[in-house]
Amino acid sequence: MIEVFLFGIVLGLIPITLAGLFVTAYLQYRRFFNARSKNISFRGGLLIEINRFFSDALTFPFFFILVINLGRNKEN
């Protein structure tokens, strides 16, 4: 039974990691940079590094804290 859970974890990690790599590459190499895109690119790279050392259980809270909280700071 544990093999099913491990298989699901592995299959869940692969697309999340690949999506993070593609988003970071897109934000890094697109032509027009502004301060916000550089900030998100840095944060996307940070999430990939965090994902390397910790499980995905920590990645999603970091994503919501770092990326979504960015919009709240600009309103104030």
N, C-alpha and C. Protein backbone atom coordinates (compact mmCIF):
# COMPACT_ATOMS: atom_id res chain seq x y z
N MET A 1 0.82 -1.20 0.00
CA MET A 1 0.00 0.00 0.00
C MET A 1 0.86 1.26 0.00
N ILE A 2 1.99 1.23 0.68
CA ILE A 2 2.86 2.41 0.74
C ILE A 2 3.46 2.73 -0.62
N GLU A 3 3.61 1.70 -1.47
CA GLU A 3 4.17 1.94 -2.80
C GLU A 3 3.26 2.83 -3.63
N VAL A 4 1.97 2.70 -3.44
CA VAL A 4 1.02 3.53 -4.18
C VAL A 4 1.21 5.00 -3.81
N PHE A 5 1.38 5.27 -2.52
CA PHE A 5 1.59 6.64 -2.08
C PHE A 5 2.91 7.20 -2.59
N LEU A 6 3.95 6.38 -2.53
CA LEU A 6 5.25 6.83 -3.03
C LEU A 6 5.20 7.10 -4.53
N PHE A 7 4.49 6.25 -5.25
CA PHE A 7 4.34 6.45 -6.70
C PHE A 7 3.60 7.76 -6.97
N GLY A 8 2.57 8.04 -6.19
CA GLY A 8 1.84 9.29 -6.35
C GLY A 8 2.69 10.50 -6.02
N ILE A 9 3.52 10.39 -5.00
CA ILE A 9 4.41 11.50 -4.65
C ILE A 9 5.39 11.77 -5.77
N VAL A 10 5.99 10.72 -6.32
CA VAL A 10 6.96 10.89 -7.41
C VAL A 10 6.28 11.49 -8.63
N LEU A 11 5.12 10.99 -8.98
CA LEU A 11 4.41 11.53 -10.15
C LEU A 11 3.93 12.96 -9.91
N GLY A 12 3.71 13.32 -8.67
CA GLY A 12 3.32 14.69 -8.37
C GLY A 12 4.50 15.65 -8.37
N LEU A 13 5.67 15.18 -7.97
CA LEU A 13 6.84 16.04 -7.92
C LEU A 13 7.37 16.41 -9.30
N ILE A 14 7.28 15.49 -10.23
CA ILE A 14 7.86 15.72 -11.56
C ILE A 14 7.19 16.90 -12.27
N PRO A 15 5.87 16.94 -12.41
CA PRO A 15 5.29 18.09 -13.13
C PRO A 15 5.44 19.42 -12.38
N ILE A 16 5.41 19.40 -11.06
CA ILE A 16 5.58 20.63 -10.29
C ILE A 16 6.98 21.19 -10.50
N THR A 17 7.99 20.31 -10.45
CA THR A 17 9.36 20.75 -10.65
C THR A 17 9.57 21.27 -12.06
N LEU A 18 9.06 20.55 -13.05
CA LEU A 18 9.21 21.00 -14.44
C LEU A 18 8.49 22.32 -14.69
N ALA A 19 7.31 22.46 -14.12
CA ALA A 19 6.57 23.72 -14.29
C ALA A 19 7.34 24.88 -13.67
N GLY A 20 7.93 24.65 -12.51
CA GLY A 20 8.73 25.70 -11.88
C GLY A 20 9.94 26.08 -12.71
N LEU A 21 10.58 25.09 -13.32
CA LEU A 21 11.73 25.37 -14.18
C LEU A 21 11.32 26.18 -15.40
N PHE A 22 10.21 25.81 -16.03
CA PHE A 22 9.77 26.53 -17.22
C PHE A 22 9.34 27.96 -16.89
N VAL A 23 8.64 28.13 -15.78
CA VAL A 23 8.21 29.48 -15.39
C VAL A 23 9.42 30.35 -15.09
N THR A 24 10.39 29.81 -14.37
CA THR A 24 11.59 30.58 -14.05
C THR A 24 12.37 30.94 -15.30
N ALA A 25 12.50 29.99 -16.22
CA ALA A 25 13.21 30.27 -17.47
C ALA A 25 12.48 31.32 -18.29
N TYR A 26 11.17 31.24 -18.34
CA TYR A 26 10.39 32.24 -19.09
C TYR A 26 10.56 33.63 -18.49
N LEU A 27 10.46 33.73 -17.18
CA LEU A 27 10.58 35.03 -16.54
C LEU A 27 11.99 35.59 -16.63
N GLN A 28 12.97 34.71 -16.71
CA GLN A 28 14.36 35.16 -16.76
C GLN A 28 14.74 35.67 -18.14
N TYR A 29 14.23 35.05 -19.20
CA TYR A 29 14.71 35.35 -20.54
C TYR A 29 13.74 36.15 -21.41
N ARG A 30 12.61 36.57 -20.90
CA ARG A 30 11.74 37.38 -21.75
C ARG A 30 12.34 38.78 -21.90
N ARG A 31 11.95 39.47 -22.94
CA ARG A 31 12.63 40.70 -23.34
C ARG A 31 12.45 41.86 -22.37
N PHE A 32 11.24 42.11 -21.95
CA PHE A 32 10.97 43.31 -21.16
C PHE A 32 10.96 42.96 -19.68
N PHE A 33 11.92 43.51 -18.97
CA PHE A 33 11.98 43.30 -17.53
C PHE A 33 11.48 44.55 -16.83
N ASN A 34 10.75 44.34 -15.80
CA ASN A 34 10.47 45.42 -14.88
C ASN A 34 10.78 44.90 -13.48
N ALA A 35 10.66 45.73 -12.50
CA ALA A 35 11.06 45.33 -11.15
C ALA A 35 10.24 44.15 -10.66
N ARG A 36 8.98 44.11 -11.02
CA ARG A 36 8.12 43.04 -10.52
C ARG A 36 8.50 41.70 -11.14
N SER A 37 8.80 41.66 -12.44
CA SER A 37 9.14 40.38 -13.07
C SER A 37 10.47 39.86 -12.54
N LYS A 38 11.42 40.75 -12.27
CA LYS A 38 12.68 40.30 -11.70
C LYS A 38 12.45 39.72 -10.31
N ASN A 39 11.57 40.36 -9.56
CA ASN A 39 11.28 39.90 -8.22
C ASN A 39 10.64 38.52 -8.25
N ILE A 40 9.69 38.32 -9.16
CA ILE A 40 9.03 37.02 -9.26
C ILE A 40 10.01 35.97 -9.77
N SER A 41 10.90 36.35 -10.70
CA SER A 41 11.88 35.41 -11.21
C SER A 41 12.80 34.96 -10.08
N PHE A 42 13.22 35.89 -9.25
CA PHE A 42 14.06 35.54 -8.11
C PHE A 42 13.30 34.62 -7.17
N ARG A 43 12.05 34.93 -6.94
CA ARG A 43 11.26 34.10 -6.03
C ARG A 43 10.98 32.73 -6.61
N GLY A 44 10.77 32.66 -7.93
CA GLY A 44 10.59 31.36 -8.56
C GLY A 44 11.84 30.50 -8.42
N GLY A 45 13.00 31.10 -8.61
CA GLY A 45 14.26 30.38 -8.42
C GLY A 45 14.44 29.95 -6.99
N LEU A 46 14.04 30.82 -6.07
CA LEU A 46 14.13 30.48 -4.65
C LEU A 46 13.25 29.28 -4.33
N LEU A 47 12.05 29.24 -4.91
CA LEU A 47 11.16 28.11 -4.67
C LEU A 47 11.75 26.81 -5.19
N ILE A 48 12.44 26.88 -6.32
CA ILE A 48 13.06 25.67 -6.86
C ILE A 48 14.16 25.19 -5.92
N GLU A 49 14.95 26.11 -5.38
CA GLU A 49 16.00 25.72 -4.45
C GLU A 49 15.41 25.17 -3.15
N ILE A 50 14.34 25.77 -2.67
CA ILE A 50 13.69 25.25 -1.47
C ILE A 50 13.15 23.86 -1.74
N ASN A 51 12.59 23.66 -2.94
CA ASN A 51 12.04 22.37 -3.32
C ASN A 51 13.12 21.30 -3.37
N ARG A 52 14.34 21.71 -3.66
CA ARG A 52 15.44 20.75 -3.73
C ARG A 52 15.76 20.18 -2.35
N PHE A 53 15.62 21.01 -1.31
CA PHE A 53 16.00 20.59 0.04
C PHE A 53 14.83 20.14 0.91
N PHE A 54 13.64 20.61 0.61
CA PHE A 54 12.48 20.28 1.42
C PHE A 54 11.43 19.62 0.54
N SER A 55 10.43 19.08 1.18
CA SER A 55 9.37 18.42 0.42
C SER A 55 8.43 19.45 -0.19
N ASP A 56 7.55 19.00 -1.08
CA ASP A 56 6.59 19.90 -1.72
C ASP A 56 5.56 20.42 -0.73
N ALA A 57 5.47 19.81 0.43
CA ALA A 57 4.53 20.32 1.43
C ALA A 57 4.91 21.74 1.86
N LEU A 58 6.19 22.09 1.75
CA LEU A 58 6.61 23.44 2.11
C LEU A 58 6.60 24.39 0.92
N THR A 59 6.59 23.87 -0.28
CA THR A 59 6.69 24.73 -1.46
C THR A 59 5.44 25.58 -1.64
N PHE A 60 4.28 24.99 -1.52
CA PHE A 60 3.05 25.74 -1.76
C PHE A 60 2.83 26.86 -0.74
N PRO A 61 3.06 26.64 0.56
CA PRO A 61 2.95 27.80 1.47
C PRO A 61 3.95 28.90 1.14
N PHE A 62 5.19 28.53 0.78
CA PHE A 62 6.17 29.54 0.39
C PHE A 62 5.71 30.29 -0.85
N PHE A 63 5.11 29.58 -1.79
CA PHE A 63 4.62 30.22 -3.01
C PHE A 63 3.57 31.27 -2.67
N PHE A 64 2.62 30.90 -1.83
CA PHE A 64 1.56 31.84 -1.49
C PHE A 64 2.09 33.01 -0.67
N ILE A 65 3.04 32.76 0.19
CA ILE A 65 3.60 33.84 1.01
C ILE A 65 4.42 34.79 0.15
N LEU A 66 5.26 34.25 -0.72
CA LEU A 66 6.20 35.09 -1.47
C LEU A 66 5.58 35.76 -2.68
N VAL A 67 4.80 35.04 -3.46
CA VAL A 67 4.32 35.57 -4.73
C VAL A 67 3.00 36.31 -4.57
N ILE A 68 2.04 35.72 -3.90
CA ILE A 68 0.73 36.35 -3.78
C ILE A 68 0.79 37.54 -2.83
N ASN A 69 1.62 37.46 -1.81
CA ASN A 69 1.76 38.57 -0.87
C ASN A 69 2.38 39.79 -1.54
N LEU A 70 3.05 39.61 -2.66
CA LEU A 70 3.65 40.73 -3.39
C LEU A 70 2.61 41.76 -3.80
N GLY A 71 1.45 41.30 -4.25
CA GLY A 71 0.38 42.22 -4.64
C GLY A 71 -0.19 42.99 -3.47
N ARG A 72 -0.22 42.39 -2.32
CA ARG A 72 -0.75 43.08 -1.14
C ARG A 72 0.17 44.20 -0.69
N ASN A 73 1.47 44.00 -0.82
CA ASN A 73 2.41 45.04 -0.41
C ASN A 73 2.32 46.27 -1.29
N LYS A 74 2.01 46.11 -2.56
CA LYS A 74 1.94 47.25 -3.47
C LYS A 74 0.69 48.08 -3.24
N GLU A 75 -0.36 47.49 -2.69
CA GLU A 75 -1.59 48.23 -2.44
C GLU A 75 -1.41 49.23 -1.30
N ASN A 76 -0.59 48.89 -0.32
CA ASN A 76 -0.43 49.75 0.87
C ASN A 76 0.49 50.90 0.61
